[in-house]
C-alpha cells in the first residue's frame, strides 16, 4: 500500500492525548468517526481541526516518521495509541 487516508487529533500534552483516547475507546464503534471528528474540532491544535482532523490521503515521506509509521500500521477504522512527534502528541484514525 502506497497511500492511506487518515484523520488526527494533535495536542501538546501526553496526558491530554490519553484522556481523549479513553473517550474514543469507550465509544460505540459505529459512532467512532463522528466522535473523533467532534473531538478533533474541539481539542486539536492542528489547523486540520476545521475539517474534523481530516488529513486526506498521503503517501510515504509526507509526514513525520513516527506519525507515518503509525498511520500505515493501522487497519481502516482503527485508532492509534498516543504517537509522539516533534509537533506534539497525536491520535490517528485511519479512514481509508
N, C-alpha and C. Protein backbone atom coordinates (compact mmCIF):
# COMPACT_ATOMS: atom_id res chain seq x y z
N UNK A 1 0.85 -1.16 0.00
CA UNK A 1 0.00 0.00 0.00
C UNK A 1 0.89 1.23 0.00
N UNK A 2 0.62 2.15 -0.89
CA UNK A 2 1.48 3.33 -1.02
C UNK A 2 0.86 4.59 -0.44
N UNK A 3 -0.46 4.57 -0.17
CA UNK A 3 -1.13 5.74 0.39
C UNK A 3 -2.18 5.31 1.40
N UNK A 4 -2.43 6.20 2.35
CA UNK A 4 -3.50 5.98 3.32
C UNK A 4 -4.29 7.28 3.47
N UNK A 5 -5.50 7.15 4.01
CA UNK A 5 -6.30 8.31 4.39
C UNK A 5 -6.41 8.26 5.91
N UNK A 6 -6.24 9.42 6.53
CA UNK A 6 -6.30 9.45 7.98
C UNK A 6 -6.76 10.81 8.49
N UNK A 7 -7.23 10.78 9.72
CA UNK A 7 -7.54 11.98 10.48
C UNK A 7 -6.72 11.92 11.75
N UNK A 8 -6.51 13.08 12.37
CA UNK A 8 -5.75 13.06 13.62
C UNK A 8 -6.21 14.16 14.56
N UNK A 9 -5.83 13.97 15.81
CA UNK A 9 -6.02 14.97 16.85
C UNK A 9 -4.62 15.24 17.39
N UNK A 10 -4.23 16.49 17.43
CA UNK A 10 -2.91 16.88 17.92
C UNK A 10 -3.09 17.72 19.19
N UNK A 11 -2.38 17.33 20.25
CA UNK A 11 -2.40 18.09 21.50
C UNK A 11 -0.98 18.23 22.02
N UNK A 12 -0.79 19.14 22.98
CA UNK A 12 0.55 19.43 23.49
C UNK A 12 1.00 18.49 24.60
N UNK A 13 0.06 17.89 25.34
CA UNK A 13 0.43 17.07 26.49
C UNK A 13 -0.01 15.62 26.32
N UNK A 14 0.87 14.72 26.75
CA UNK A 14 0.59 13.29 26.69
C UNK A 14 -0.68 12.97 27.49
N UNK A 15 -0.82 13.58 28.65
CA UNK A 15 -1.98 13.31 29.50
C UNK A 15 -3.29 13.69 28.80
N UNK A 16 -3.28 14.77 28.04
CA UNK A 16 -4.47 15.20 27.29
C UNK A 16 -4.79 14.18 26.20
N UNK A 17 -3.76 13.70 25.51
CA UNK A 17 -3.96 12.69 24.47
C UNK A 17 -4.55 11.41 25.08
N UNK A 18 -4.04 11.00 26.23
CA UNK A 18 -4.57 9.80 26.91
C UNK A 18 -6.04 9.99 27.29
N UNK A 19 -6.37 11.17 27.77
CA UNK A 19 -7.75 11.47 28.16
C UNK A 19 -8.69 11.34 26.96
N UNK A 20 -8.29 11.90 25.82
CA UNK A 20 -9.10 11.83 24.60
C UNK A 20 -9.18 10.39 24.11
N UNK A 21 -8.07 9.68 24.16
CA UNK A 21 -8.05 8.28 23.72
C UNK A 21 -9.02 7.44 24.55
N UNK A 22 -9.09 7.68 25.83
CA UNK A 22 -10.03 6.95 26.69
C UNK A 22 -11.47 7.23 26.29
N UNK A 23 -11.77 8.47 25.93
CA UNK A 23 -13.12 8.80 25.46
C UNK A 23 -13.43 8.03 24.18
N UNK A 24 -12.46 7.97 23.28
CA UNK A 24 -12.66 7.30 22.00
C UNK A 24 -12.83 5.79 22.18
N UNK A 25 -12.06 5.21 23.09
CA UNK A 25 -12.13 3.77 23.33
C UNK A 25 -13.48 3.35 23.89
N UNK A 26 -14.15 4.25 24.61
CA UNK A 26 -15.43 3.91 25.21
C UNK A 26 -16.60 4.12 24.25
N UNK A 27 -16.30 4.61 23.05
CA UNK A 27 -17.36 4.91 22.07
C UNK A 27 -17.85 3.65 21.37
N UNK A 28 -19.10 3.69 20.94
CA UNK A 28 -19.65 2.66 20.07
C UNK A 28 -18.87 2.73 18.75
N UNK A 29 -18.37 1.60 18.25
CA UNK A 29 -17.57 1.61 17.02
C UNK A 29 -18.25 2.33 15.84
N UNK A 30 -19.57 2.24 15.76
CA UNK A 30 -20.28 2.91 14.65
C UNK A 30 -20.26 4.42 14.81
N UNK A 31 -20.14 4.89 16.04
CA UNK A 31 -20.10 6.33 16.32
C UNK A 31 -18.69 6.91 16.29
N UNK A 32 -17.68 6.04 16.20
CA UNK A 32 -16.29 6.47 16.31
C UNK A 32 -15.89 7.58 15.34
N UNK A 33 -16.16 7.46 14.04
CA UNK A 33 -15.74 8.53 13.13
C UNK A 33 -16.33 9.90 13.48
N UNK A 34 -17.61 9.91 13.86
CA UNK A 34 -18.25 11.18 14.22
C UNK A 34 -17.69 11.75 15.51
N UNK A 35 -17.48 10.88 16.50
CA UNK A 35 -16.91 11.33 17.77
C UNK A 35 -15.49 11.83 17.57
N UNK A 36 -14.71 11.12 16.77
CA UNK A 36 -13.33 11.53 16.50
C UNK A 36 -13.31 12.93 15.89
N UNK A 37 -14.16 13.16 14.89
CA UNK A 37 -14.22 14.47 14.23
C UNK A 37 -14.66 15.56 15.21
N UNK A 38 -15.62 15.24 16.06
CA UNK A 38 -16.10 16.21 17.05
C UNK A 38 -14.98 16.58 18.02
N UNK A 39 -14.28 15.58 18.53
CA UNK A 39 -13.18 15.84 19.47
C UNK A 39 -12.02 16.56 18.79
N UNK A 40 -11.78 16.26 17.53
CA UNK A 40 -10.73 16.97 16.79
C UNK A 40 -11.06 18.45 16.69
N UNK A 41 -12.32 18.75 16.34
CA UNK A 41 -12.74 20.16 16.24
C UNK A 41 -12.61 20.88 17.57
N UNK A 42 -12.91 20.18 18.65
CA UNK A 42 -12.91 20.80 19.98
C UNK A 42 -11.53 20.89 20.62
N UNK A 43 -10.67 19.89 20.39
CA UNK A 43 -9.46 19.76 21.20
C UNK A 43 -8.14 19.84 20.45
N UNK A 44 -8.13 19.60 19.15
CA UNK A 44 -6.88 19.57 18.41
C UNK A 44 -6.29 20.97 18.25
N UNK A 45 -4.96 21.03 18.22
CA UNK A 45 -4.26 22.30 17.99
C UNK A 45 -3.83 22.45 16.53
N UNK A 46 -4.10 21.46 15.71
CA UNK A 46 -3.73 21.49 14.29
C UNK A 46 -4.80 22.22 13.47
N UNK A 47 -4.38 22.97 12.45
CA UNK A 47 -5.38 23.62 11.57
C UNK A 47 -6.38 22.64 10.94
N UNK A 48 -6.02 21.36 10.87
CA UNK A 48 -6.94 20.35 10.31
C UNK A 48 -8.18 20.18 11.17
N UNK A 49 -8.18 20.76 12.36
CA UNK A 49 -9.35 20.62 13.24
C UNK A 49 -10.60 21.18 12.59
N UNK A 50 -10.44 22.15 11.69
CA UNK A 50 -11.59 22.72 10.98
C UNK A 50 -12.28 21.67 10.11
N UNK A 51 -11.54 20.63 9.73
CA UNK A 51 -12.07 19.54 8.92
C UNK A 51 -12.26 18.27 9.76
N UNK A 52 -12.40 18.45 11.06
CA UNK A 52 -12.56 17.30 11.94
C UNK A 52 -11.31 16.45 12.03
N UNK A 53 -10.17 17.08 11.77
CA UNK A 53 -8.89 16.37 11.84
C UNK A 53 -8.50 15.67 10.55
N UNK A 54 -9.34 15.77 9.52
CA UNK A 54 -9.11 15.06 8.26
C UNK A 54 -7.86 15.56 7.56
N UNK A 55 -6.91 14.66 7.33
CA UNK A 55 -5.68 14.98 6.61
C UNK A 55 -5.74 14.56 5.15
N UNK A 56 -6.81 13.88 4.78
CA UNK A 56 -6.93 13.39 3.41
C UNK A 56 -5.99 12.22 3.17
N UNK A 57 -5.62 12.05 1.92
CA UNK A 57 -4.77 10.94 1.51
C UNK A 57 -3.33 11.41 1.43
N UNK A 58 -2.40 10.57 1.90
CA UNK A 58 -0.98 10.91 1.81
C UNK A 58 -0.16 9.65 1.63
N UNK A 59 0.99 9.84 1.03
CA UNK A 59 1.91 8.74 0.79
C UNK A 59 3.07 8.76 1.76
N UNK A 60 3.95 7.81 1.61
CA UNK A 60 5.13 7.73 2.47
C UNK A 60 6.05 8.93 2.20
N UNK A 61 6.70 9.39 3.26
CA UNK A 61 7.62 10.51 3.14
C UNK A 61 6.97 11.88 3.25
N UNK A 62 5.67 11.92 3.52
CA UNK A 62 4.95 13.20 3.59
C UNK A 62 4.72 13.68 5.02
N UNK A 63 4.79 12.77 5.98
CA UNK A 63 4.51 13.10 7.38
C UNK A 63 5.74 12.77 8.23
N UNK A 64 5.72 13.21 9.48
CA UNK A 64 6.78 12.85 10.42
C UNK A 64 6.89 11.32 10.48
N UNK A 65 8.11 10.81 10.61
CA UNK A 65 8.33 9.36 10.55
C UNK A 65 7.47 8.58 11.54
N UNK A 66 7.39 9.06 12.78
CA UNK A 66 6.61 8.36 13.80
C UNK A 66 5.13 8.33 13.42
N UNK A 67 4.65 9.45 12.92
CA UNK A 67 3.25 9.56 12.51
C UNK A 67 2.98 8.62 11.34
N UNK A 68 3.85 8.66 10.34
CA UNK A 68 3.69 7.81 9.16
C UNK A 68 3.69 6.33 9.52
N UNK A 69 4.62 5.93 10.34
CA UNK A 69 4.73 4.53 10.75
C UNK A 69 3.43 4.07 11.41
N UNK A 70 2.88 4.88 12.30
CA UNK A 70 1.64 4.53 12.99
C UNK A 70 0.46 4.49 12.03
N UNK A 71 0.34 5.49 11.17
CA UNK A 71 -0.79 5.56 10.24
C UNK A 71 -0.81 4.37 9.28
N UNK A 72 0.34 4.01 8.73
CA UNK A 72 0.39 2.90 7.79
C UNK A 72 0.19 1.55 8.46
N UNK A 73 0.46 1.46 9.77
CA UNK A 73 0.30 0.20 10.50
C UNK A 73 -1.15 -0.06 10.90
N UNK A 74 -1.98 0.97 10.92
CA UNK A 74 -3.36 0.82 11.35
C UNK A 74 -4.23 0.15 10.29
N UNK A 75 -5.25 -0.55 10.75
CA UNK A 75 -6.30 -1.04 9.86
C UNK A 75 -7.32 0.06 9.71
N UNK A 76 -8.04 0.06 8.60
CA UNK A 76 -9.08 1.06 8.37
C UNK A 76 -10.09 1.02 9.51
N UNK A 77 -10.44 2.21 10.02
CA UNK A 77 -11.41 2.32 11.09
C UNK A 77 -10.83 2.19 12.49
N UNK A 78 -9.52 1.98 12.59
CA UNK A 78 -8.87 1.80 13.90
C UNK A 78 -8.13 3.08 14.31
N UNK A 79 -7.96 3.21 15.62
CA UNK A 79 -7.28 4.37 16.20
C UNK A 79 -5.93 3.93 16.77
N UNK A 80 -4.95 4.78 16.59
CA UNK A 80 -3.63 4.52 17.15
C UNK A 80 -3.63 4.78 18.65
N UNK A 81 -2.58 4.36 19.30
CA UNK A 81 -2.30 4.84 20.64
C UNK A 81 -1.74 6.25 20.49
N UNK A 82 -1.20 6.79 21.56
CA UNK A 82 -0.62 8.12 21.51
C UNK A 82 0.70 8.05 20.74
N UNK A 83 0.85 8.92 19.74
CA UNK A 83 2.05 8.96 18.91
C UNK A 83 2.74 10.31 19.12
N UNK A 84 3.99 10.26 19.58
CA UNK A 84 4.74 11.50 19.83
C UNK A 84 5.58 11.85 18.60
N UNK A 85 5.48 13.12 18.18
CA UNK A 85 6.36 13.66 17.13
C UNK A 85 6.89 15.00 17.64
N UNK A 86 7.67 15.67 16.81
CA UNK A 86 8.19 16.98 17.21
C UNK A 86 7.08 18.01 17.34
N UNK A 87 5.89 17.72 16.83
CA UNK A 87 4.77 18.66 16.87
C UNK A 87 3.92 18.51 18.13
N UNK A 88 4.02 17.36 18.80
CA UNK A 88 3.22 17.10 19.97
C UNK A 88 2.77 15.65 20.00
N UNK A 89 1.58 15.44 20.53
CA UNK A 89 1.03 14.09 20.71
C UNK A 89 -0.20 13.92 19.84
N UNK A 90 -0.19 12.86 19.03
CA UNK A 90 -1.24 12.62 18.05
C UNK A 90 -2.05 11.39 18.41
N UNK A 91 -3.32 11.43 18.04
CA UNK A 91 -4.17 10.25 17.95
C UNK A 91 -4.57 10.18 16.48
N UNK A 92 -4.42 9.02 15.89
CA UNK A 92 -4.65 8.87 14.46
C UNK A 92 -5.79 7.90 14.22
N UNK A 93 -6.70 8.27 13.37
CA UNK A 93 -7.80 7.40 12.91
C UNK A 93 -7.57 7.14 11.43
N UNK A 94 -7.36 5.87 11.09
CA UNK A 94 -7.20 5.53 9.66
C UNK A 94 -8.58 5.45 9.04
N UNK A 95 -8.81 6.25 8.01
CA UNK A 95 -10.13 6.33 7.38
C UNK A 95 -10.15 5.67 6.01
N UNK A 96 -9.01 5.31 5.47
CA UNK A 96 -9.00 4.66 4.16
C UNK A 96 -7.62 4.22 3.77
